[in-house]
Structure formats: structure tokens, C-alpha cells
PDB file of N, CA and C in Angstrom:
ATOM      1  N   MET A   1       0.846  -1.170   0.000  1.00  0.00           N
ATOM      2  CA  MET A   1       0.000   0.000   0.000  1.00  0.00           C
ATOM      3  C   MET A   1       0.895   1.238   0.000  1.00  0.00           C
ATOM      4  N   LYS A   2       0.332   2.350  -0.368  1.00  0.00           N
ATOM      5  CA  LYS A   2       1.069   3.613  -0.391  1.00  0.00           C
ATOM      6  C   LYS A   2       0.912   4.331   0.952  1.00  0.00           C
ATOM      7  N   LEU A   3       1.943   5.053   1.345  1.00  0.00           N
ATOM      8  CA  LEU A   3       1.942   5.798   2.596  1.00  0.00           C
ATOM      9  C   LEU A   3       0.739   6.728   2.690  1.00  0.00           C
ATOM     10  N   ARG A   4       0.321   7.296   1.575  1.00  0.00           N
ATOM     11  CA  ARG A   4      -0.794   8.255   1.564  1.00  0.00           C
ATOM     12  C   ARG A   4      -2.099   7.671   2.084  1.00  0.00           C
ATOM     13  N   GLU A   5      -2.207   6.354   2.134  1.00  0.00           N
ATOM     14  CA  GLU A   5      -3.440   5.725   2.595  1.00  0.00           C
ATOM     15  C   GLU A   5      -3.643   5.854   4.103  1.00  0.00           C
ATOM     16  N   ILE A   6      -2.543   6.090   4.854  1.00  0.00           N
ATOM     17  CA  ILE A   6      -2.693   6.197   6.312  1.00  0.00           C
ATOM     18  C   ILE A   6      -2.095   7.484   6.889  1.00  0.00           C
ATOM     19  N   ALA A   7      -1.527   8.340   6.011  1.00  0.00           N
ATOM     20  CA  ALA A   7      -0.873   9.549   6.517  1.00  0.00           C
ATOM     21  C   ALA A   7      -0.964  10.689   5.509  1.00  0.00           C
ATOM     22  N   HIS A   8      -0.765  11.886   6.017  1.00  0.00           N
ATOM     23  CA  HIS A   8      -0.625  13.060   5.157  1.00  0.00           C
ATOM     24  C   HIS A   8       0.689  13.730   5.519  1.00  0.00           C
ATOM     25  N   SER A   9       1.039  14.798   4.817  1.00  0.00           N
ATOM     26  CA  SER A   9       2.381  15.341   4.966  1.00  0.00           C
ATOM     27  C   SER A   9       2.429  16.835   4.673  1.00  0.00           C
ATOM     28  N   ARG A  10       3.470  17.469   5.202  1.00  0.00           N
ATOM     29  CA  ARG A  10       3.788  18.879   4.918  1.00  0.00           C
ATOM     30  C   ARG A  10       5.292  18.984   4.735  1.00  0.00           C
ATOM     31  N   THR A  11       5.712  19.991   4.004  1.00  0.00           N
ATOM     32  CA  THR A  11       7.129  20.206   3.746  1.00  0.00           C
ATOM     33  C   THR A  11       7.518  21.634   4.103  1.00  0.00           C
ATOM     34  N   GLY A  12       8.744  21.792   4.587  1.00  0.00           N
ATOM     35  CA  GLY A  12       9.310  23.108   4.833  1.00  0.00           C
ATOM     36  C   GLY A  12      10.753  23.137   4.364  1.00  0.00           C
ATOM     37  N   ASP A  13      11.346  24.310   4.330  1.00  0.00           N
ATOM     38  CA  ASP A  13      12.739  24.401   3.894  1.00  0.00           C
ATOM     39  C   ASP A  13      13.449  25.535   4.614  1.00  0.00           C
ATOM     40  N   LYS A  14      14.732  25.373   4.765  1.00  0.00           N
ATOM     41  CA  LYS A  14      15.662  26.411   5.250  1.00  0.00           C
ATOM     42  C   LYS A  14      16.964  26.192   4.512  1.00  0.00           C
ATOM     43  N   GLY A  15      17.306  27.118   3.657  1.00  0.00           N
ATOM     44  CA  GLY A  15      18.546  26.973   2.902  1.00  0.00           C
ATOM     45  C   GLY A  15      18.512  25.722   2.041  1.00  0.00           C
ATOM     46  N   ASN A  16      19.502  24.862   2.247  1.00  0.00           N
ATOM     47  CA  ASN A  16      19.646  23.638   1.466  1.00  0.00           C
ATOM     48  C   ASN A  16      19.056  22.428   2.210  1.00  0.00           C
ATOM     49  N   THR A  17      18.258  22.690   3.240  1.00  0.00           N
ATOM     50  CA  THR A  17      17.683  21.635   4.069  1.00  0.00           C
ATOM     51  C   THR A  17      16.172  21.608   3.890  1.00  0.00           C
ATOM     52  N   SER A  18      15.650  20.408   3.693  1.00  0.00           N
ATOM     53  CA  SER A  18      14.208  20.223   3.590  1.00  0.00           C
ATOM     54  C   SER A  18      13.737  19.387   4.769  1.00  0.00           C
ATOM     55  N   ASN A  19      12.567  19.707   5.289  1.00  0.00           N
ATOM     56  CA  ASN A  19      11.985  18.825   6.299  1.00  0.00           C
ATOM     57  C   ASN A  19      10.590  18.423   5.843  1.00  0.00           C
ATOM     58  N   ILE A  20      10.286  17.151   6.089  1.00  0.00           N
ATOM     59  CA  ILE A  20       9.001  16.593   5.700  1.00  0.00           C
ATOM     60  C   ILE A  20       8.368  15.963   6.929  1.00  0.00           C
ATOM     61  N   SER A  21       7.154  16.374   7.224  1.00  0.00           N
ATOM     62  CA  SER A  21       6.405  15.739   8.298  1.00  0.00           C
ATOM     63  C   SER A  21       5.507  14.667   7.693  1.00  0.00           C
ATOM     64  N   VAL A  22       5.363  13.573   8.423  1.00  0.00           N
ATOM     65  CA  VAL A  22       4.448  12.493   8.056  1.00  0.00           C
ATOM     66  C   VAL A  22       3.518  12.334   9.244  1.00  0.00           C
ATOM     67  N   ILE A  23       2.232  12.593   9.032  1.00  0.00           N
ATOM     68  CA  ILE A  23       1.263  12.644  10.134  1.00  0.00           C
ATOM     69  C   ILE A  23       0.192  11.588   9.904  1.00  0.00           C
ATOM     70  N   ALA A  24       0.040  10.694  10.867  1.00  0.00           N
ATOM     71  CA  ALA A  24      -0.963   9.632  10.760  1.00  0.00           C
ATOM     72  C   ALA A  24      -2.369  10.234  10.784  1.00  0.00           C
ATOM     73  N   TYR A  25      -3.234   9.771   9.894  1.00  0.00           N
ATOM     74  CA  TYR A  25      -4.644  10.176   9.962  1.00  0.00           C
ATOM     75  C   TYR A  25      -5.258   9.691  11.272  1.00  0.00           C
ATOM     76  N   ASP A  26      -4.904   8.460  11.646  1.00  0.00           N
ATOM     77  CA  ASP A  26      -5.402   7.839  12.873  1.00  0.00           C
ATOM     78  C   ASP A  26      -4.210   7.622  13.799  1.00  0.00           C
ATOM     79  N   PRO A  27      -4.179   8.258  14.962  1.00  0.00           N
ATOM     80  CA  PRO A  27      -3.045   8.092  15.876  1.00  0.00           C
ATOM     81  C   PRO A  27      -2.744   6.628  16.219  1.00  0.00           C
ATOM     82  N   ALA A  28      -3.723   5.747  16.074  1.00  0.00           N
ATOM     83  CA  ALA A  28      -3.487   4.324  16.336  1.00  0.00           C
ATOM     84  C   ALA A  28      -2.485   3.726  15.345  1.00  0.00           C
ATOM     85  N   ASN A  29      -2.256   4.384  14.211  1.00  0.00           N
ATOM     86  CA  ASN A  29      -1.309   3.886  13.206  1.00  0.00           C
ATOM     87  C   ASN A  29       0.101   4.453  13.373  1.00  0.00           C
ATOM     88  N   TYR A  30       0.314   5.271  14.394  1.00  0.00           N
ATOM     89  CA  TYR A  30       1.622   5.891  14.581  1.00  0.00           C
ATOM     90  C   TYR A  30       2.731   4.845  14.734  1.00  0.00           C
ATOM     91  N   ALA A  31       2.534   3.826  15.551  1.00  0.00           N
ATOM     92  CA  ALA A  31       3.569   2.805  15.768  1.00  0.00           C
ATOM     93  C   ALA A  31       3.906   2.094  14.456  1.00  0.00           C
ATOM     94  N   PHE A  32       2.903   1.885  13.606  1.00  0.00           N
ATOM     95  CA  PHE A  32       3.123   1.271  12.302  1.00  0.00           C
ATOM     96  C   PHE A  32       4.015   2.176  11.438  1.00  0.00           C
ATOM     97  N   LEU A  33       3.712   3.465  11.434  1.00  0.00           N
ATOM     98  CA  LEU A  33       4.550   4.417  10.692  1.00  0.00           C
ATOM     99  C   LEU A  33       5.971   4.427  11.246  1.00  0.00           C
ATOM    100  N   GLU A  34       6.077   4.451  12.555  1.00  0.00           N
ATOM    101  CA  GLU A  34       7.388   4.479  13.215  1.00  0.00           C
ATOM    102  C   GLU A  34       8.235   3.280  12.788  1.00  0.00           C
ATOM    103  N   LYS A  35       7.607   2.142  12.646  1.00  0.00           N
ATOM    104  CA  LYS A  35       8.319   0.919  12.258  1.00  0.00           C
ATOM    105  C   LYS A  35       8.715   0.913  10.782  1.00  0.00           C
ATOM    106  N   HIS A  36       7.848   1.409   9.918  1.00  0.00           N
ATOM    107  CA  HIS A  36       8.042   1.225   8.478  1.00  0.00           C
ATOM    108  C   HIS A  36       8.537   2.455   7.717  1.00  0.00           C
ATOM    109  N   VAL A  37       8.514   3.625   8.331  1.00  0.00           N
ATOM    110  CA  VAL A  37       8.986   4.836   7.641  1.00  0.00           C
ATOM    111  C   VAL A  37      10.218   5.335   8.407  1.00  0.00           C
ATOM    112  N   THR A  38      11.346   4.784   8.038  1.00  0.00           N
ATOM    113  CA  THR A  38      12.599   5.072   8.722  1.00  0.00           C
ATOM    114  C   THR A  38      13.399   6.141   7.974  1.00  0.00           C
ATOM    115  N   ALA A  39      14.396   6.691   8.648  1.00  0.00           N
ATOM    116  CA  ALA A  39      15.282   7.668   7.999  1.00  0.00           C
ATOM    117  C   ALA A  39      15.983   7.033   6.801  1.00  0.00           C
ATOM    118  N   LYS A  40      16.383   5.788   6.926  1.00  0.00           N
ATOM    119  CA  LYS A  40      17.056   5.109   5.814  1.00  0.00           C
ATOM    120  C   LYS A  40      16.119   4.958   4.612  1.00  0.00           C
ATOM    121  N   ARG A  41      14.876   4.578   4.864  1.00  0.00           N
ATOM    122  CA  ARG A  41      13.929   4.430   3.754  1.00  0.00           C
ATOM    123  C   ARG A  41      13.675   5.765   3.064  1.00  0.00           C
ATOM    124  N   VAL A  42      13.573   6.844   3.848  1.00  0.00           N
ATOM    125  CA  VAL A  42      13.363   8.167   3.261  1.00  0.00           C
ATOM    126  C   VAL A  42      14.595   8.587   2.467  1.00  0.00           C
ATOM    127  N   LYS A  43      15.782   8.358   3.015  1.00  0.00           N
ATOM    128  CA  LYS A  43      17.018   8.705   2.292  1.00  0.00           C
ATOM    129  C   LYS A  43      17.102   7.905   0.994  1.00  0.00           C
ATOM    130  N   ASP A  44      16.796   6.611   1.056  1.00  0.00           N
ATOM    131  CA  ASP A  44      16.823   5.785  -0.152  1.00  0.00           C
ATOM    132  C   ASP A  44      15.785   6.262  -1.170  1.00  0.00           C
ATOM    133  N   PHE A  45      14.602   6.629  -0.699  1.00  0.00           N
ATOM    134  CA  PHE A  45      13.529   7.091  -1.579  1.00  0.00           C
ATOM    135  C   PHE A  45      13.946   8.354  -2.343  1.00  0.00           C
ATOM    136  N   PHE A  46      14.662   9.243  -1.661  1.00  0.00           N
ATOM    137  CA  PHE A  46      15.106  10.497  -2.271  1.00  0.00           C
ATOM    138  C   PHE A  46      16.597  10.460  -2.638  1.00  0.00           C
ATOM    139  N   SER A  47      17.118   9.289  -2.934  1.00  0.00           N
ATOM    140  CA  SER A  47      18.557   9.143  -3.185  1.00  0.00           C
ATOM    141  C   SER A  47      19.061  10.000  -4.346  1.00  0.00           C
ATOM    142  N   ASP A  48      18.191  10.342  -5.271  1.00  0.00           N
ATOM    143  CA  ASP A  48      18.614  11.162  -6.414  1.00  0.00           C
ATOM    144  C   ASP A  48      18.837  12.622  -6.041  1.00  0.00           C
ATOM    145  N   ILE A  49      18.264  13.078  -4.924  1.00  0.00           N
ATOM    146  CA  ILE A  49      18.393  14.498  -4.596  1.00  0.00           C
ATOM    147  C   ILE A  49      19.035  14.778  -3.242  1.00  0.00           C
ATOM    148  N   VAL A  50      18.930  13.861  -2.288  1.00  0.00           N
ATOM    149  CA  VAL A  50      19.474  14.115  -0.948  1.00  0.00           C
ATOM    150  C   VAL A  50      20.935  13.693  -0.915  1.00  0.00           C
ATOM    151  N   GLU A  51      21.812  14.672  -0.723  1.00  0.00           N
ATOM    152  CA  GLU A  51      23.248  14.404  -0.685  1.00  0.00           C
ATOM    153  C   GLU A  51      23.779  14.297   0.737  1.00  0.00           C
ATOM    154  N   GLY A  52      22.995  14.726   1.716  1.00  0.00           N
ATOM    155  CA  GLY A  52      23.429  14.686   3.109  1.00  0.00           C
ATOM    156  C   GLY A  52      22.660  13.645   3.900  1.00  0.00           C
ATOM    157  N   ASP A  53      22.711  13.801   5.207  1.00  0.00           N
ATOM    158  CA  ASP A  53      22.021  12.886   6.106  1.00  0.00           C
ATOM    159  C   ASP A  53      20.529  13.161   6.139  1.00  0.00           C
ATOM    160  N   VAL A  54      19.785  12.142   6.546  1.00  0.00           N
ATOM    161  CA  VAL A  54      18.360  12.275   6.855  1.00  0.00           C
ATOM    162  C   VAL A  54      18.200  11.891   8.318  1.00  0.00           C
ATOM    163  N   VAL A  55      17.628  12.778   9.098  1.00  0.00           N
ATOM    164  CA  VAL A  55      17.411  12.545  10.526  1.00  0.00           C
ATOM    165  C   VAL A  55      15.912  12.517  10.785  1.00  0.00           C
ATOM    166  N   ARG A  56      15.473  11.496  11.538  1.00  0.00           N
ATOM    167  CA  ARG A  56      14.053  11.386  11.869  1.00  0.00           C
ATOM    168  C   ARG A  56      13.824  11.814  13.315  1.00  0.00           C
ATOM    169  N   TYR A  57      12.816  12.644  13.495  1.00  0.00           N
ATOM    170  CA  TYR A  57      12.369  13.053  14.829  1.00  0.00           C
ATOM    171  C   TYR A  57      10.983  12.477  15.045  1.00  0.00           C
ATOM    172  N   GLU A  58      10.770  11.897  16.205  1.00  0.00           N
ATOM    173  CA  GLU A  58       9.501  11.238  16.518  1.00  0.00           C
ATOM    174  C   GLU A  58       8.654  12.116  17.420  1.00  0.00           C
ATOM    175  N   LEU A  59       7.386  12.263  17.061  1.00  0.00           N
ATOM    176  CA  LEU A  59       6.438  13.089  17.805  1.00  0.00           C
ATOM    177  C   LEU A  59       5.196  12.258  18.123  1.00  0.00           C
ATOM    178  N   PRO A  60       5.326  11.299  19.036  1.00  0.00           N
ATOM    179  CA  PRO A  60       4.223  10.362  19.282  1.00  0.00           C
ATOM    180  C   PRO A  60       2.956  11.019  19.820  1.00  0.00           C
ATOM    181  N   LYS A  61       3.076  12.104  20.538  1.00  0.00           N
ATOM    182  CA  LYS A  61       1.874  12.736  21.109  1.00  0.00           C
ATOM    183  C   LYS A  61       0.963  13.328  20.039  1.00  0.00           C
ATOM    184  N   ILE A  62       1.521  13.630  18.881  1.00  0.00           N
ATOM    185  CA  ILE A  62       0.684  14.124  17.784  1.00  0.00           C
ATOM    186  C   ILE A  62       0.644  13.136  16.613  1.00  0.00           C
ATOM    187  N   GLY A  63       1.206  11.945  16.819  1.00  0.00           N
ATOM    188  CA  GLY A  63       1.153  10.904  15.788  1.00  0.00           C
ATOM    189  C   GLY A  63       1.918  11.255  14.534  1.00  0.00           C
ATOM    190  N   ALA A  64       3.088  11.877  14.703  1.00  0.00           N
ATOM    191  CA  ALA A  64       3.828  12.349  13.535  1.00  0.00           C
ATOM    192  C   ALA A  64       5.309  11.995  13.598  1.00  0.00           C
ATOM    193  N   LEU A  65       5.900  11.943  12.438  1.00  0.00           N
ATOM    194  CA  LEU A  65       7.346  11.824  12.275  1.00  0.00           C
ATOM    195  C   LEU A  65       7.798  13.040  11.476  1.00  0.00           C
ATOM    196  N   ASN A  66       8.984  13.536  11.767  1.00  0.00           N
ATOM    197  CA  ASN A  66       9.524  14.656  11.001  1.00  0.00           C
ATOM    198  C   ASN A  66      10.907  14.253  10.501  1.00  0.00           C
ATOM    199  N   PHE A  67      11.110  14.381   9.211  1.00  0.00           N
ATOM    200  CA  PHE A  67      12.376  14.020   8.585  1.00  0.00           C
ATOM    201  C   PHE A  67      13.086  15.284   8.128  1.00  0.00           C
ATOM    202  N   VAL A  68      14.308  15.460   8.593  1.00  0.00           N
ATOM    203  CA  VAL A  68      15.136  16.592   8.181  1.00  0.00           C
ATOM    204  C   VAL A  68      16.167  16.037   7.207  1.00  0.00           C
ATOM    205  N   MET A  69      16.137  16.567   5.991  1.00  0.00           N
ATOM    206  CA  MET A  69      17.011  16.092   4.921  1.00  0.00           C
ATOM    207  C   MET A  69      18.019  17.184   4.577  1.00  0.00           C
ATOM    208  N   TYR A  70      19.273  16.922   4.904  1.00  0.00           N
ATOM    209  CA  TYR A  70      20.342  17.884   4.680  1.00  0.00           C
ATOM    210  C   TYR A  70      20.887  17.756   3.262  1.00  0.00           C
ATOM    211  N   LYS A  71      21.292  18.890   2.703  1.00  0.00           N
ATOM    212  CA  LYS A  71      21.815  18.953   1.329  1.00  0.00           C
ATOM    213  C   LYS A  71      20.818  18.326   0.356  1.00  0.00           C
ATOM    214  N   ALA A  72      19.578  18.812   0.427  1.00  0.00           N
ATOM    215  CA  ALA A  72      18.501  18.208  -0.363  1.00  0.00           C
ATOM    216  C   ALA A  72      17.896  19.130  -1.409  1.00  0.00           C
ATOM    217  N   LEU A  73      18.280  20.389  -1.427  1.00  0.00           N
ATOM    218  CA  LEU A  73      17.591  21.338  -2.309  1.00  0.00           C
ATOM    219  C   LEU A  73      18.520  21.994  -3.328  1.00  0.00           C
ATOM    220  N   GLY A  74      19.524  21.271  -3.759  1.00  0.00           N
ATOM    221  CA  GLY A  74      20.396  21.774  -4.815  1.00  0.00           C
ATOM    222  C   GLY A  74      21.117  23.058  -4.471  1.00  0.00           C
ATOM    223  N   GLY A  75      21.410  23.259  -3.201  1.00  0.00           N
ATOM    224  CA  GLY A  75      22.132  24.453  -2.759  1.00  0.00           C
ATOM    225  C   GLY A  75      21.240  25.488  -2.099  1.00  0.00           C
ATOM    226  N   GLY A  76      19.937  25.328  -2.200  1.00  0.00           N
ATOM    227  CA  GLY A  76      19.011  26.278  -1.586  1.00  0.00           C
ATOM    228  C   GLY A  76      18.302  27.131  -2.625  1.00  0.00           C
ATOM    229  N   VAL A  77      17.328  27.894  -2.184  1.00  0.00           N
ATOM    230  CA  VAL A  77      16.440  28.654  -3.068  1.00  0.00           C
ATOM    231  C   VAL A  77      17.207  29.564  -4.031  1.00  0.00           C
ATOM    232  N   THR A  78      18.205  30.258  -3.558  1.00  0.00           N
ATOM    233  CA  THR A  78      18.889  31.225  -4.416  1.00  0.00           C
ATOM    234  C   THR A  78      19.978  30.601  -5.286  1.00  0.00           C
ATOM    235  N   ARG A  79      20.245  29.302  -5.110  1.00  0.00           N
ATOM    236  CA  ARG A  79      21.331  28.674  -5.855  1.00  0.00           C
ATOM    237  C   ARG A  79      20.887  27.537  -6.764  1.00  0.00           C
ATOM    238  N   THR A  80      19.741  26.959  -6.503  1.00  0.00           N
ATOM    239  CA  THR A  80      19.334  25.770  -7.246  1.00  0.00           C
ATOM    240  C   THR A  80      18.775  26.104  -8.626  1.00  0.00           C
ATOM    241  N   LEU A  81      18.900  25.153  -9.517  1.00  0.00           N
ATOM    242  CA  LEU A  81      18.279  25.256 -10.834  1.00  0.00           C
ATOM    243  C   LEU A  81      17.028  24.386 -10.909  1.00  0.00           C
ATOM    244  N   ALA A  82      16.645  23.812  -9.773  1.00  0.00           N
ATOM    245  CA  ALA A  82      15.470  22.936  -9.729  1.00  0.00           C
ATOM    246  C   ALA A  82      14.194  23.726 -10.004  1.00  0.00           C
ATOM    247  N   LEU A  83      13.223  23.070 -10.579  1.00  0.00           N
ATOM    248  CA  LEU A  83      11.934  23.692 -10.852  1.00  0.00           C
ATOM    249  C   LEU A  83      11.198  24.022  -9.554  1.00  0.00           C
ATOM    250  N   ASP A  84      11.253  23.110  -8.574  1.00  0.00           N
ATOM    251  CA  ASP A  84      10.595  23.293  -7.277  1.00  0.00           C
ATOM    252  C   ASP A  84      11.648  23.754  -6.273  1.00  0.00           C
ATOM    253  N   ILE A  85      11.971  25.039  -6.278  1.00  0.00           N
ATOM    254  CA  ILE A  85      13.112  25.541  -5.506  1.00  0.00           C
ATOM    255  C   ILE A  85      12.951  25.392  -3.997  1.00  0.00           C
ATOM    256  N   HIS A  86      11.721  25.396  -3.493  1.00  0.00           N
ATOM    257  CA  HIS A  86      11.480  25.224  -2.059  1.00  0.00           C
ATOM    258  C   HIS A  86      11.283  23.757  -1.688  1.00  0.00           C
ATOM    259  N   GLY A  87      11.182  22.865  -2.655  1.00  0.00           N
ATOM    260  CA  GLY A  87      10.974  21.452  -2.394  1.00  0.00           C
ATOM    261  C   GLY A  87       9.599  21.123  -1.857  1.00  0.00           C
ATOM    262  N   LYS A  88       8.616  21.970  -2.140  1.00  0.00           N
ATOM    263  CA  LYS A  88       7.265  21.755  -1.613  1.00  0.00           C
ATOM    264  C   LYS A  88       6.618  20.469  -2.133  1.00  0.00           C
ATOM    265  N   SER A  89       7.020  20.009  -3.290  1.00  0.00           N
ATOM    266  CA  SER A  89       6.427  18.784  -3.836  1.00  0.00           C
ATOM    267  C   SER A  89       6.999  17.514  -3.205  1.00  0.00           C
ATOM    268  N   LEU A  90       8.048  17.641  -2.400  1.00  0.00           N
ATOM    269  CA  LEU A  90       8.673  16.457  -1.811  1.00  0.00           C
ATOM    270  C   LEU A  90       7.727  15.705  -0.884  1.00  0.00           C
ATOM    271  N   SER A  91       6.865  16.423  -0.177  1.00  0.00           N
ATOM    272  CA  SER A  91       5.925  15.736   0.714  1.00  0.00           C
ATOM    273  C   SER A  91       4.943  14.893  -0.097  1.00  0.00           C
ATOM    274  N   SER A  92       4.491  15.413  -1.214  1.00  0.00           N
ATOM    275  CA  SER A  92       3.592  14.635  -2.077  1.00  0.00           C
ATOM    276  C   SER A  92       4.313  13.418  -2.644  1.00  0.00           C
ATOM    277  N   ALA A  93       5.554  13.598  -3.022  1.00  0.00           N
ATOM    278  CA  ALA A  93       6.333  12.479  -3.552  1.00  0.00           C
ATOM    279  C   ALA A  93       6.488  11.383  -2.500  1.00  0.00           C
ATOM    280  N   LEU A  94       6.783  11.763  -1.257  1.00  0.00           N
ATOM    281  CA  LEU A  94       6.977  10.766  -0.209  1.00  0.00           C
ATOM    282  C   LEU A  94       5.713   9.957   0.050  1.00  0.00           C
ATOM    283  N   MET A  95       4.558  10.535  -0.213  1.00  0.00           N
ATOM    284  CA  MET A  95       3.308   9.802  -0.006  1.00  0.00           C
ATOM    285  C   MET A  95       3.176   8.605  -0.951  1.00  0.00           C
ATOM    286  N   ASN A  96       4.066   8.505  -1.956  1.00  0.00           N
ATOM    287  CA  ASN A  96       4.098   7.355  -2.855  1.00  0.00           C
ATOM    288  C   ASN A  96       4.967   6.219  -2.330  1.00  0.00           C
ATOM    289  N   LEU A  97       5.564   6.386  -1.155  1.00  0.00           N
ATOM    290  CA  LEU A  97       6.397   5.336  -0.569  1.00  0.00           C
ATOM    291  C   LEU A  97       5.551   4.092  -0.337  1.00  0.00           C
ATOM    292  N   ASP A  98       6.060   2.953  -0.783  1.00  0.00           N
ATOM    293  CA  ASP A  98       5.378   1.687  -0.539  1.00  0.00           C
ATOM    294  C   ASP A  98       5.653   1.213   0.875  1.00  0.00           C
ATOM    295  N   ILE A  99       4.590   0.864   1.577  1.00  0.00           N
ATOM    296  CA  ILE A  99       4.690   0.306   2.921  1.00  0.00           C
ATOM    297  C   ILE A  99       3.814  -0.940   2.962  1.00  0.00           C
ATOM    298  N   PRO A 100       4.055  -1.837   3.930  1.00  0.00           N
ATOM    299  CA  PRO A 100       3.210  -3.041   4.011  1.00  0.00           C
ATOM    300  C   PRO A 100       1.756  -2.675   4.294  1.00  0.00           C
ATOM    301  N   ASP A 101       0.876  -3.562   3.940  1.00  0.00           N
ATOM    302  CA  ASP A 101      -0.542  -3.375   4.260  1.00  0.00           C
ATOM    303  C   ASP A 101      -0.742  -3.445   5.772  1.00  0.00           C
ATOM    304  N   LEU A 102      -1.669  -2.673   6.270  1.00  0.00           N
ATOM    305  CA  LEU A 102      -2.057  -2.779   7.685  1.00  0.00           C
ATOM    306  C   LEU A 102      -2.738  -4.127   7.884  1.00  0.00           C
ATOM    307  N   LYS A 103      -2.428  -4.761   8.980  1.00  0.00           N
ATOM    308  CA  LYS A 103      -3.056  -6.069   9.249  1.00  0.00           C
ATOM    309  C   LYS A 103      -3.870  -6.008  10.481  1.00  0.00           C
TER     310      LYS A 103
END
């Protein structure tokens, strides 16, 4: 199944760093997200654009994960030649991540 089936997302940026939040629609699915949406999986998913580390922050009280991706925006807004200079579409892209079906 796709991540979008159990979560939604938002993206932000600072310089050459992008952060993506993954928020469970149902807080009961937070542990499932925590298990299956790791920093490594996010880094692998964005391997074509993320040149630095990906760090995951866990926010269980709000059922969310936040991923900070360093060196992910082609040098930042004023330096990149990317079409999406702020990386706002990255959250939508991450929602295509394949995860196991809920059981």
C-alpha cells in the first residue's frame, strides 16, 4: 500500500535543508509508521536528490514523524536550478512510498 493511505504530509525548507512531516490520519497507526517509515527508507527514496544525512524526529503525542534532509535542495532557493526551488512537492512524492498493508 502507499503511505498516503494512512498519513498526510507537509514540507518546509531552510537553505539547502528540507523537512518533511508524516502525520498519521489515525493516531493508532503511529507505531506502524514508526516501524516502516525510517530515515534510511526516506534517504533511499530520495537518493537522487538528498546528498546529506536524513534525521528522523519522533512526535508520538501528535502521531507524527519529522524528517530533516540535509543537502537536499540543490544548494538552496537562491542557488538551485530545480523547478521546485522550495521542495514543496517532496511531501507529495513521499506519499508514494510503498509500505506493508495494515493487518
